[in-house]
Amino acid sequence: MRTVDEWKATLRAALKDALRTRNAPATAVLRETLAAIDNAEAPDMSVAPESVGGGIAGSAGGLGSGEVSRLLLSPEAVDSLIQREIQERRDAVALYVQLGKSEEARVLTAQVDVLLGL
């Protein structure tokens, strides 16, 4: 199984290739997947330091005191996140086919193929 850093490197390399070849569906799904990983790593704001009064409203006192470290995801969590992205698109493809929107279904199928090819 890949590490989180390997997943990110793979996604970024694939994004670079998709941008180079101007593959819009691949570019979109790779950006969305990288964003989903970044969002999953976002810290809970309840652990952020409290703001103090001072020169800047809502600031925390002291250099670096407002920093909150990002969450560390496990490789399994990233794999699960990517599988969820694939499943969401498969569900949408089924809905688009049912509604007779074949072009939208084709784009999402291409996106699923990109994620499966990683």
C-alpha atoms as a PDB file:
ATOM      1  CA  MET A   1       0.000   0.000   0.000  1.00  0.00           C
ATOM      2  CA  ARG A   2       1.209   3.498  -0.815  1.00  0.00           C
ATOM      3  CA  THR A   3       2.045   6.051   1.822  1.00  0.00           C
ATOM      4  CA  VAL A   4       0.190   9.356   1.973  1.00  0.00           C
ATOM      5  CA  ASP A   5       3.155  11.165   0.428  1.00  0.00           C
ATOM      6  CA  GLU A   6       3.327   8.601  -2.389  1.00  0.00           C
ATOM      7  CA  TRP A   7      -0.395   9.081  -3.072  1.00  0.00           C
ATOM      8  CA  LYS A   8       0.031  12.850  -3.224  1.00  0.00           C
ATOM      9  CA  ALA A   9       3.085  12.559  -5.482  1.00  0.00           C
ATOM     10  CA  THR A  10       1.221  10.183  -7.797  1.00  0.00           C
ATOM     11  CA  LEU A  11      -1.794  12.472  -7.963  1.00  0.00           C
ATOM     12  CA  ARG A  12       0.359  15.556  -8.596  1.00  0.00           C
ATOM     13  CA  ALA A  13       2.336  13.804 -11.345  1.00  0.00           C
ATOM     14  CA  ALA A  14      -0.893  12.643 -12.977  1.00  0.00           C
ATOM     15  CA  LEU A  15      -2.279  16.182 -12.667  1.00  0.00           C
ATOM     16  CA  LYS A  16       0.804  17.592 -14.367  1.00  0.00           C
ATOM     17  CA  ASP A  17       0.347  15.125 -17.239  1.00  0.00           C
ATOM     18  CA  ALA A  18      -3.370  15.906 -17.497  1.00  0.00           C
ATOM     19  CA  LEU A  19      -2.637  19.628 -17.647  1.00  0.00           C
ATOM     20  CA  ARG A  20       0.059  19.082 -20.266  1.00  0.00           C
ATOM     21  CA  THR A  21      -2.313  17.045 -22.473  1.00  0.00           C
ATOM     22  CA  ARG A  22      -5.263  19.353 -21.735  1.00  0.00           C
ATOM     23  CA  ASN A  23      -7.386  16.487 -20.492  1.00  0.00           C
ATOM     24  CA  ALA A  24     -10.155  18.419 -18.722  1.00  0.00           C
ATOM     25  CA  PRO A  25     -11.956  15.480 -17.037  1.00  0.00           C
ATOM     26  CA  ALA A  26      -8.670  14.090 -15.680  1.00  0.00           C
ATOM     27  CA  THR A  27      -7.540  17.520 -14.510  1.00  0.00           C
ATOM     28  CA  ALA A  28     -10.829  18.078 -12.681  1.00  0.00           C
ATOM     29  CA  VAL A  29     -10.896  14.730 -10.895  1.00  0.00           C
ATOM     30  CA  LEU A  30      -7.243  14.916  -9.866  1.00  0.00           C
ATOM     31  CA  ARG A  31      -7.659  18.431  -8.479  1.00  0.00           C
ATOM     32  CA  GLU A  32     -10.808  17.400  -6.630  1.00  0.00           C
ATOM     33  CA  THR A  33      -9.099  14.344  -5.162  1.00  0.00           C
ATOM     34  CA  LEU A  34      -6.071  16.335  -4.007  1.00  0.00           C
ATOM     35  CA  ALA A  35      -8.443  18.896  -2.474  1.00  0.00           C
ATOM     36  CA  ALA A  36     -10.356  16.125  -0.691  1.00  0.00           C
ATOM     37  CA  ILE A  37      -7.099  14.867   0.829  1.00  0.00           C
ATOM     38  CA  ASP A  38      -6.130  18.394   1.887  1.00  0.00           C
ATOM     39  CA  ASN A  39      -9.573  18.906   3.430  1.00  0.00           C
ATOM     40  CA  ALA A  40      -9.292  15.626   5.330  1.00  0.00           C
ATOM     41  CA  GLU A  41      -5.964  16.821   6.755  1.00  0.00           C
ATOM     42  CA  ALA A  42      -7.439  20.121   7.947  1.00  0.00           C
ATOM     43  CA  PRO A  43      -7.272  20.460  11.733  1.00  0.00           C
ATOM     44  CA  ASP A  44     -10.333  20.767  13.895  1.00  0.00           C
ATOM     45  CA  MET A  45     -10.783  24.421  14.754  1.00  0.00           C
ATOM     46  CA  SER A  46     -11.702  23.535  18.329  1.00  0.00           C
ATOM     47  CA  VAL A  47      -7.984  22.935  19.002  1.00  0.00           C
ATOM     48  CA  ALA A  48      -6.972  26.380  17.715  1.00  0.00           C
ATOM     49  CA  PRO A  49      -5.583  28.781  20.312  1.00  0.00           C
ATOM     50  CA  GLU A  50      -7.910  31.413  21.667  1.00  0.00           C
ATOM     51  CA  SER A  51      -7.564  34.921  20.338  1.00  0.00           C
ATOM     52  CA  VAL A  52      -6.245  37.672  22.548  1.00  0.00           C
ATOM     53  CA  GLY A  53      -6.794  41.385  22.466  1.00  0.00           C
ATOM     54  CA  GLY A  54      -4.107  43.487  20.898  1.00  0.00           C
ATOM     55  CA  GLY A  55      -3.067  45.270  17.758  1.00  0.00           C
ATOM     56  CA  ILE A  56      -4.845  42.880  15.429  1.00  0.00           C
ATOM     57  CA  ALA A  57      -8.391  41.749  16.193  1.00  0.00           C
ATOM     58  CA  GLY A  58      -8.737  38.016  16.723  1.00  0.00           C
ATOM     59  CA  SER A  59      -4.997  37.364  16.765  1.00  0.00           C
ATOM     60  CA  ALA A  60      -3.190  34.926  19.013  1.00  0.00           C
ATOM     61  CA  GLY A  61      -0.386  36.206  21.218  1.00  0.00           C
ATOM     62  CA  GLY A  62       3.204  35.448  20.314  1.00  0.00           C
ATOM     63  CA  LEU A  63       5.014  34.359  17.189  1.00  0.00           C
ATOM     64  CA  GLY A  64       3.674  31.058  15.906  1.00  0.00           C
ATOM     65  CA  SER A  65       1.117  30.729  18.691  1.00  0.00           C
ATOM     66  CA  GLY A  66      -1.706  30.660  16.175  1.00  0.00           C
ATOM     67  CA  GLU A  67      -0.319  27.637  14.350  1.00  0.00           C
ATOM     68  CA  VAL A  68      -2.269  24.388  14.420  1.00  0.00           C
ATOM     69  CA  SER A  69      -0.654  21.321  12.909  1.00  0.00           C
ATOM     70  CA  ARG A  70      -2.487  19.436  10.177  1.00  0.00           C
ATOM     71  CA  LEU A  71      -3.953  16.015  10.830  1.00  0.00           C
ATOM     72  CA  LEU A  72      -1.884  13.022   9.781  1.00  0.00           C
ATOM     73  CA  LEU A  73      -3.839  10.624   7.598  1.00  0.00           C
ATOM     74  CA  SER A  74      -3.081   6.946   7.385  1.00  0.00           C
ATOM     75  CA  PRO A  75      -2.531   5.325   3.974  1.00  0.00           C
ATOM     76  CA  GLU A  76      -5.760   3.404   4.559  1.00  0.00           C
ATOM     77  CA  ALA A  77      -7.648   6.671   5.092  1.00  0.00           C
ATOM     78  CA  VAL A  78      -6.338   8.081   1.814  1.00  0.00           C
ATOM     79  CA  ASP A  79      -7.175   4.870  -0.017  1.00  0.00           C
ATOM     80  CA  SER A  80     -10.668   4.965   1.491  1.00  0.00           C
ATOM     81  CA  LEU A  81     -11.052   8.597   0.440  1.00  0.00           C
ATOM     82  CA  ILE A  82     -10.085   7.773  -3.149  1.00  0.00           C
ATOM     83  CA  GLN A  83     -12.478   4.808  -3.180  1.00  0.00           C
ATOM     84  CA  ARG A  84     -15.223   7.147  -1.946  1.00  0.00           C
ATOM     85  CA  GLU A  85     -14.452   9.581  -4.798  1.00  0.00           C
ATOM     86  CA  ILE A  86     -14.733   6.687  -7.263  1.00  0.00           C
ATOM     87  CA  GLN A  87     -18.012   5.477  -5.759  1.00  0.00           C
ATOM     88  CA  GLU A  88     -19.541   8.966  -5.804  1.00  0.00           C
ATOM     89  CA  ARG A  89     -18.782   9.250  -9.493  1.00  0.00           C
ATOM     90  CA  ARG A  90     -20.134   5.768 -10.237  1.00  0.00           C
ATOM     91  CA  ASP A  91     -23.369   6.668  -8.445  1.00  0.00           C
ATOM     92  CA  ALA A  92     -23.600   9.894 -10.445  1.00  0.00           C
ATOM     93  CA  VAL A  93     -22.972   7.997 -13.703  1.00  0.00           C
ATOM     94  CA  ALA A  94     -25.873   5.684 -12.917  1.00  0.00           C
ATOM     95  CA  LEU A  95     -28.108   8.669 -12.204  1.00  0.00           C
ATOM     96  CA  TYR A  96     -27.059  10.491 -15.382  1.00  0.00           C
ATOM     97  CA  VAL A  97     -27.678   7.385 -17.480  1.00  0.00           C
ATOM     98  CA  GLN A  98     -31.106   7.045 -15.902  1.00  0.00           C
ATOM     99  CA  LEU A  99     -31.836  10.687 -16.763  1.00  0.00           C
ATOM    100  CA  GLY A 100     -30.573  10.267 -20.325  1.00  0.00           C
ATOM    101  CA  LYS A 101     -27.598  12.605 -19.881  1.00  0.00           C
ATOM    102  CA  SER A 102     -25.043  10.519 -21.720  1.00  0.00           C
ATOM    103  CA  GLU A 103     -22.393  13.242 -22.129  1.00  0.00           C
ATOM    104  CA  GLU A 104     -22.248  13.918 -18.385  1.00  0.00           C
ATOM    105  CA  ALA A 105     -22.110  10.173 -17.731  1.00  0.00           C
ATOM    106  CA  ARG A 106     -19.246   9.819 -20.221  1.00  0.00           C
ATOM    107  CA  VAL A 107     -17.218  12.558 -18.493  1.00  0.00           C
ATOM    108  CA  LEU A 108     -17.695  10.979 -15.074  1.00  0.00           C
ATOM    109  CA  THR A 109     -16.826   7.542 -16.430  1.00  0.00           C
ATOM    110  CA  ALA A 110     -13.590   9.000 -17.789  1.00  0.00           C
ATOM    111  CA  GLN A 111     -12.884  10.443 -14.338  1.00  0.00           C
ATOM    112  CA  VAL A 112     -13.475   7.053 -12.707  1.00  0.00           C
ATOM    113  CA  ASP A 113     -11.056   5.502 -15.195  1.00  0.00           C
ATOM    114  CA  VAL A 114      -8.416   8.102 -14.253  1.00  0.00           C
ATOM    115  CA  LEU A 115      -8.722   7.280 -10.550  1.00  0.00           C
ATOM    116  CA  LEU A 116      -8.723   3.543 -11.188  1.00  0.00           C
ATOM    117  CA  GLY A 117      -5.579   3.922 -13.279  1.00  0.00           C
ATOM    118  CA  LEU A 118      -3.542   5.403 -10.421  1.00  0.00           C
END
